[in-house]
Amino acid sequence: DSKTCRSKTRYRRSRSHTGKDVNFDGRAAPPGVPRDSMIVNYGTGEISGVVVEDVVCMKNSIETEALNRTAAMIEKQTKGLDPGCVNMRFVAATRLSEDPFLDFSFDGI
């Protein structure tokens, strides 16, 4: 819970109904057991994090809806996801170095 992390809008897997703790291979991470983690160097900084899987939805607009109509229909039929949503694995940061992330106006990379 660093100063850098507190300055950002944070993803909380525990607040998601669809989020799951997973390892790099996509298998569920057993509760109470250390799971796969990584360190990513980004410019002069460093990010530590763990892999999670969740449904991520992007803002839908008339333009993207028209472009993605076929893809959205396939996602809804095969995975039950609404248009603009995908099931995604990503690294949730558990630590951000102050340099340079404290000064960035955005929350994620």
N, C-alpha and C. Protein backbone atom coordinates (compact mmCIF):
# COMPACT_ATOMS: atom_id res chain seq x y z
N ASP A 1 0.84 -1.19 0.00
CA ASP A 1 0.00 0.00 0.00
C ASP A 1 0.88 1.25 0.00
N SER A 2 1.66 1.38 -1.04
CA SER A 2 2.63 2.47 -1.14
C SER A 2 1.95 3.79 -1.50
N LYS A 3 2.68 4.87 -1.32
CA LYS A 3 2.22 6.21 -1.70
C LYS A 3 1.83 6.22 -3.18
N THR A 4 2.62 5.56 -4.00
CA THR A 4 2.33 5.52 -5.44
C THR A 4 1.02 4.81 -5.71
N CYS A 5 0.83 3.65 -5.08
CA CYS A 5 -0.43 2.90 -5.29
C CYS A 5 -1.63 3.68 -4.79
N ARG A 6 -1.49 4.35 -3.65
CA ARG A 6 -2.61 5.12 -3.09
C ARG A 6 -3.00 6.29 -3.99
N SER A 7 -2.09 6.74 -4.84
CA SER A 7 -2.39 7.87 -5.72
C SER A 7 -3.14 7.45 -6.98
N LYS A 8 -3.36 6.15 -7.15
CA LYS A 8 -4.00 5.62 -8.37
C LYS A 8 -5.37 5.03 -8.08
N THR A 9 -6.20 4.95 -9.11
CA THR A 9 -7.43 4.18 -9.01
C THR A 9 -7.02 2.73 -9.14
N ARG A 10 -7.40 1.89 -8.17
CA ARG A 10 -6.89 0.53 -8.12
C ARG A 10 -7.96 -0.50 -8.47
N TYR A 11 -7.54 -1.51 -9.20
CA TYR A 11 -8.38 -2.69 -9.48
C TYR A 11 -8.35 -3.57 -8.23
N ARG A 12 -9.50 -4.03 -7.81
CA ARG A 12 -9.57 -4.94 -6.66
C ARG A 12 -10.32 -6.19 -7.10
N ARG A 13 -9.55 -7.26 -7.29
CA ARG A 13 -10.14 -8.53 -7.71
C ARG A 13 -11.21 -8.98 -6.75
N SER A 14 -11.02 -8.74 -5.47
CA SER A 14 -11.99 -9.17 -4.46
C SER A 14 -13.34 -8.48 -4.59
N ARG A 15 -13.40 -7.36 -5.29
CA ARG A 15 -14.67 -6.64 -5.50
C ARG A 15 -15.35 -7.04 -6.80
N SER A 16 -14.74 -7.92 -7.55
CA SER A 16 -15.29 -8.35 -8.83
C SER A 16 -16.02 -9.68 -8.68
N HIS A 17 -17.18 -9.76 -9.32
CA HIS A 17 -17.93 -11.02 -9.31
C HIS A 17 -17.36 -12.03 -10.31
N THR A 18 -16.57 -11.54 -11.26
CA THR A 18 -16.05 -12.42 -12.32
C THR A 18 -14.53 -12.61 -12.24
N GLY A 19 -13.84 -11.87 -11.39
CA GLY A 19 -12.38 -11.94 -11.29
C GLY A 19 -11.91 -13.23 -10.62
N LYS A 20 -10.75 -13.72 -11.08
CA LYS A 20 -10.16 -14.94 -10.53
C LYS A 20 -8.65 -14.75 -10.40
N ASP A 21 -8.10 -15.29 -9.31
CA ASP A 21 -6.65 -15.36 -9.16
C ASP A 21 -6.17 -16.54 -10.00
N VAL A 22 -5.24 -16.27 -10.92
CA VAL A 22 -4.73 -17.34 -11.79
C VAL A 22 -3.20 -17.29 -11.83
N ASN A 23 -2.63 -18.37 -12.32
CA ASN A 23 -1.19 -18.42 -12.59
C ASN A 23 -0.94 -18.11 -14.06
N PHE A 24 0.32 -18.06 -14.45
CA PHE A 24 0.66 -17.71 -15.83
C PHE A 24 -0.02 -18.61 -16.85
N ASP A 25 -0.22 -19.89 -16.52
CA ASP A 25 -0.82 -20.82 -17.46
C ASP A 25 -2.34 -20.72 -17.51
N GLY A 26 -2.92 -19.82 -16.73
CA GLY A 26 -4.37 -19.63 -16.74
C GLY A 26 -5.13 -20.49 -15.75
N ARG A 27 -4.44 -21.43 -15.10
CA ARG A 27 -5.11 -22.27 -14.10
C ARG A 27 -5.35 -21.47 -12.83
N ALA A 28 -6.45 -21.79 -12.16
CA ALA A 28 -6.80 -21.10 -10.92
C ALA A 28 -5.68 -21.26 -9.89
N ALA A 29 -5.38 -20.18 -9.20
CA ALA A 29 -4.37 -20.20 -8.14
C ALA A 29 -5.06 -20.64 -6.85
N PRO A 30 -4.58 -21.70 -6.22
CA PRO A 30 -5.21 -22.17 -4.98
C PRO A 30 -5.12 -21.10 -3.89
N PRO A 31 -6.18 -20.94 -3.10
CA PRO A 31 -6.14 -19.95 -2.01
C PRO A 31 -5.06 -20.29 -0.99
N GLY A 32 -4.41 -19.26 -0.47
CA GLY A 32 -3.42 -19.45 0.58
C GLY A 32 -2.06 -19.96 0.12
N VAL A 33 -1.89 -20.16 -1.18
CA VAL A 33 -0.62 -20.65 -1.73
C VAL A 33 -0.03 -19.53 -2.59
N PRO A 34 1.28 -19.25 -2.42
CA PRO A 34 1.88 -18.21 -3.28
C PRO A 34 1.64 -18.53 -4.75
N ARG A 35 1.27 -17.53 -5.49
CA ARG A 35 1.02 -17.75 -6.91
C ARG A 35 2.06 -17.06 -7.76
N ASP A 36 2.00 -17.33 -9.06
CA ASP A 36 2.96 -16.74 -9.98
C ASP A 36 2.90 -15.22 -9.88
N SER A 37 4.07 -14.61 -9.90
CA SER A 37 4.16 -13.15 -9.90
C SER A 37 5.26 -12.74 -10.86
N MET A 38 5.34 -11.46 -11.15
CA MET A 38 6.37 -10.98 -12.06
C MET A 38 6.79 -9.58 -11.69
N ILE A 39 7.96 -9.22 -12.18
CA ILE A 39 8.48 -7.87 -12.06
C ILE A 39 8.72 -7.37 -13.48
N VAL A 40 8.19 -6.20 -13.78
CA VAL A 40 8.33 -5.61 -15.11
C VAL A 40 9.08 -4.29 -14.97
N ASN A 41 10.16 -4.15 -15.71
CA ASN A 41 10.87 -2.88 -15.76
C ASN A 41 10.23 -2.02 -16.82
N TYR A 42 9.94 -0.78 -16.46
CA TYR A 42 9.26 0.15 -17.37
C TYR A 42 10.02 1.47 -17.30
N GLY A 43 10.82 1.74 -18.31
CA GLY A 43 11.64 2.95 -18.29
C GLY A 43 12.56 2.93 -17.09
N THR A 44 12.45 3.94 -16.24
CA THR A 44 13.28 4.01 -15.04
C THR A 44 12.62 3.35 -13.84
N GLY A 45 11.41 2.83 -14.02
CA GLY A 45 10.67 2.27 -12.90
C GLY A 45 10.49 0.78 -12.95
N GLU A 46 9.76 0.30 -11.96
CA GLU A 46 9.54 -1.14 -11.82
C GLU A 46 8.14 -1.38 -11.27
N ILE A 47 7.49 -2.42 -11.82
CA ILE A 47 6.16 -2.82 -11.37
C ILE A 47 6.25 -4.28 -10.95
N SER A 48 5.70 -4.60 -9.78
CA SER A 48 5.55 -5.99 -9.36
C SER A 48 4.07 -6.29 -9.42
N GLY A 49 3.72 -7.52 -9.80
CA GLY A 49 2.30 -7.83 -9.87
C GLY A 49 2.01 -9.30 -9.97
N VAL A 50 0.73 -9.62 -9.94
CA VAL A 50 0.23 -10.98 -10.04
C VAL A 50 -0.78 -11.04 -11.19
N VAL A 51 -1.00 -12.24 -11.70
CA VAL A 51 -1.92 -12.42 -12.82
C VAL A 51 -3.33 -12.64 -12.30
N VAL A 52 -4.28 -11.95 -12.90
CA VAL A 52 -5.68 -12.16 -12.61
C VAL A 52 -6.42 -12.32 -13.93
N GLU A 53 -7.59 -12.90 -13.85
CA GLU A 53 -8.45 -13.04 -15.04
C GLU A 53 -9.78 -12.42 -14.68
N ASP A 54 -10.31 -11.61 -15.57
CA ASP A 54 -11.59 -10.96 -15.31
C ASP A 54 -12.23 -10.56 -16.63
N VAL A 55 -13.49 -10.23 -16.58
CA VAL A 55 -14.19 -9.71 -17.74
C VAL A 55 -13.95 -8.20 -17.76
N VAL A 56 -13.42 -7.71 -18.87
CA VAL A 56 -13.12 -6.29 -19.03
C VAL A 56 -14.04 -5.75 -20.13
N CYS A 57 -14.74 -4.66 -19.82
CA CYS A 57 -15.66 -4.06 -20.79
C CYS A 57 -15.19 -2.66 -21.14
N MET A 58 -15.15 -2.39 -22.43
CA MET A 58 -14.77 -1.06 -22.92
C MET A 58 -16.03 -0.28 -23.23
N LYS A 59 -15.93 1.02 -23.13
CA LYS A 59 -17.07 1.87 -23.44
C LYS A 59 -17.49 1.61 -24.88
N ASN A 60 -18.76 1.41 -25.06
CA ASN A 60 -19.28 1.13 -26.39
C ASN A 60 -19.78 2.43 -27.02
N SER A 61 -19.54 2.61 -28.28
CA SER A 61 -20.05 3.77 -29.00
C SER A 61 -20.64 3.28 -30.31
N ILE A 62 -21.31 4.14 -30.99
CA ILE A 62 -21.92 3.76 -32.28
C ILE A 62 -20.85 3.29 -33.25
N GLU A 63 -19.68 3.97 -33.25
CA GLU A 63 -18.61 3.60 -34.17
C GLU A 63 -18.06 2.21 -33.87
N THR A 64 -17.76 1.95 -32.59
CA THR A 64 -17.18 0.65 -32.26
C THR A 64 -18.23 -0.45 -32.38
N GLU A 65 -19.47 -0.12 -32.08
CA GLU A 65 -20.53 -1.13 -32.21
C GLU A 65 -20.65 -1.59 -33.66
N ALA A 66 -20.62 -0.66 -34.60
CA ALA A 66 -20.73 -1.01 -36.01
C ALA A 66 -19.54 -1.86 -36.45
N LEU A 67 -18.34 -1.50 -36.00
CA LEU A 67 -17.14 -2.25 -36.38
C LEU A 67 -17.08 -3.63 -35.75
N ASN A 68 -17.63 -3.75 -34.55
CA ASN A 68 -17.48 -4.98 -33.79
C ASN A 68 -18.75 -5.82 -33.70
N ARG A 69 -19.75 -5.51 -34.48
CA ARG A 69 -21.03 -6.21 -34.36
C ARG A 69 -20.87 -7.72 -34.50
N THR A 70 -20.15 -8.17 -35.52
CA THR A 70 -19.98 -9.61 -35.74
C THR A 70 -19.19 -10.24 -34.59
N ALA A 71 -18.10 -9.60 -34.19
CA ALA A 71 -17.29 -10.12 -33.09
C ALA A 71 -18.11 -10.16 -31.80
N ALA A 72 -18.93 -9.13 -31.56
CA ALA A 72 -19.75 -9.09 -30.36
C ALA A 72 -20.78 -10.21 -30.35
N MET A 73 -21.36 -10.49 -31.50
CA MET A 73 -22.34 -11.58 -31.58
C MET A 73 -21.68 -12.92 -31.25
N ILE A 74 -20.48 -13.13 -31.78
CA ILE A 74 -19.75 -14.39 -31.52
C ILE A 74 -19.42 -14.50 -30.03
N GLU A 75 -18.93 -13.43 -29.42
CA GLU A 75 -18.61 -13.45 -27.99
C GLU A 75 -19.84 -13.75 -27.15
N LYS A 76 -20.97 -13.14 -27.50
CA LYS A 76 -22.21 -13.36 -26.74
C LYS A 76 -22.67 -14.81 -26.88
N GLN A 77 -22.58 -15.35 -28.10
CA GLN A 77 -23.03 -16.72 -28.35
C GLN A 77 -22.11 -17.76 -27.72
N THR A 78 -20.80 -17.53 -27.79
CA THR A 78 -19.86 -18.56 -27.31
C THR A 78 -19.49 -18.40 -25.83
N LYS A 79 -19.47 -17.16 -25.34
CA LYS A 79 -18.99 -16.94 -23.97
C LYS A 79 -19.99 -16.21 -23.08
N GLY A 80 -21.12 -15.79 -23.66
CA GLY A 80 -22.13 -15.09 -22.87
C GLY A 80 -21.74 -13.67 -22.48
N LEU A 81 -20.79 -13.07 -23.20
CA LEU A 81 -20.33 -11.73 -22.87
C LEU A 81 -21.08 -10.67 -23.66
N ASP A 82 -21.34 -9.55 -23.04
CA ASP A 82 -22.01 -8.44 -23.71
C ASP A 82 -21.07 -7.76 -24.70
N PRO A 83 -21.63 -7.04 -25.69
CA PRO A 83 -20.79 -6.32 -26.65
C PRO A 83 -19.81 -5.39 -25.94
N GLY A 84 -18.58 -5.38 -26.41
CA GLY A 84 -17.55 -4.54 -25.82
C GLY A 84 -16.82 -5.18 -24.65
N CYS A 85 -17.19 -6.41 -24.30
CA CYS A 85 -16.57 -7.10 -23.16
C CYS A 85 -15.75 -8.29 -23.64
N VAL A 86 -14.64 -8.53 -22.95
CA VAL A 86 -13.79 -9.68 -23.23
C VAL A 86 -13.33 -10.29 -21.92
N ASN A 87 -13.06 -11.59 -21.95
CA ASN A 87 -12.45 -12.26 -20.83
C ASN A 87 -10.95 -12.09 -21.01
N MET A 88 -10.26 -11.51 -20.02
CA MET A 88 -8.87 -11.12 -20.21
C MET A 88 -8.02 -11.49 -18.99
N ARG A 89 -6.79 -11.93 -19.26
CA ARG A 89 -5.80 -12.10 -18.20
C ARG A 89 -4.87 -10.90 -18.24
N PHE A 90 -4.56 -10.35 -17.08
CA PHE A 90 -3.66 -9.20 -17.02
C PHE A 90 -2.90 -9.20 -15.70
N VAL A 91 -1.87 -8.39 -15.64
CA VAL A 91 -1.06 -8.29 -14.43
C VAL A 91 -1.64 -7.16 -13.58
N ALA A 92 -2.04 -7.51 -12.36
CA ALA A 92 -2.51 -6.51 -11.40
C ALA A 92 -1.31 -6.11 -10.55
N ALA A 93 -0.97 -4.84 -10.60
CA ALA A 93 0.21 -4.35 -9.87
C ALA A 93 0.01 -4.48 -8.37
N THR A 94 1.03 -4.98 -7.70
CA THR A 94 1.04 -5.05 -6.25
C THR A 94 2.04 -4.04 -5.67
N ARG A 95 2.93 -3.53 -6.52
CA ARG A 95 3.88 -2.51 -6.12
C ARG A 95 4.32 -1.72 -7.33
N LEU A 96 4.37 -0.40 -7.19
CA LEU A 96 4.85 0.51 -8.23
C LEU A 96 5.96 1.37 -7.64
N SER A 97 7.05 1.50 -8.34
CA SER A 97 8.10 2.40 -7.86
C SER A 97 7.61 3.85 -7.99
N GLU A 98 8.10 4.71 -7.10
CA GLU A 98 7.68 6.12 -7.17
C GLU A 98 8.14 6.75 -8.48
N ASP A 99 9.38 6.43 -8.88
CA ASP A 99 9.91 6.96 -10.14
C ASP A 99 9.67 5.94 -11.23
N PRO A 100 8.90 6.22 -12.23
CA PRO A 100 8.25 7.47 -12.59
C PRO A 100 6.75 7.49 -12.29
N PHE A 101 6.21 6.42 -11.72
CA PHE A 101 4.76 6.22 -11.69
C PHE A 101 3.99 7.21 -10.82
N LEU A 102 4.60 7.74 -9.78
CA LEU A 102 3.90 8.70 -8.93
C LEU A 102 3.47 9.93 -9.72
N ASP A 103 4.26 10.31 -10.70
CA ASP A 103 3.97 11.53 -11.48
C ASP A 103 3.06 11.28 -12.67
N PHE A 104 2.77 10.01 -13.01
CA PHE A 104 1.91 9.74 -14.16
C PHE A 104 0.46 10.05 -13.84
N SER A 105 -0.26 10.61 -14.79
CA SER A 105 -1.68 10.93 -14.58
C SER A 105 -2.57 9.72 -14.84
N PHE A 106 -2.07 8.70 -15.51
CA PHE A 106 -2.88 7.51 -15.80
C PHE A 106 -2.66 6.44 -14.75
N ASP A 107 -3.59 5.47 -14.69
CA ASP A 107 -3.57 4.44 -13.67
C ASP A 107 -3.00 3.11 -14.14
N GLY A 108 -3.01 2.83 -15.41
CA GLY A 108 -2.55 1.52 -15.90
C GLY A 108 -1.75 1.69 -17.17
N ILE A 109 -1.06 0.63 -17.51
CA ILE A 109 -0.25 0.66 -18.73
C ILE A 109 -0.90 -0.27 -19.74
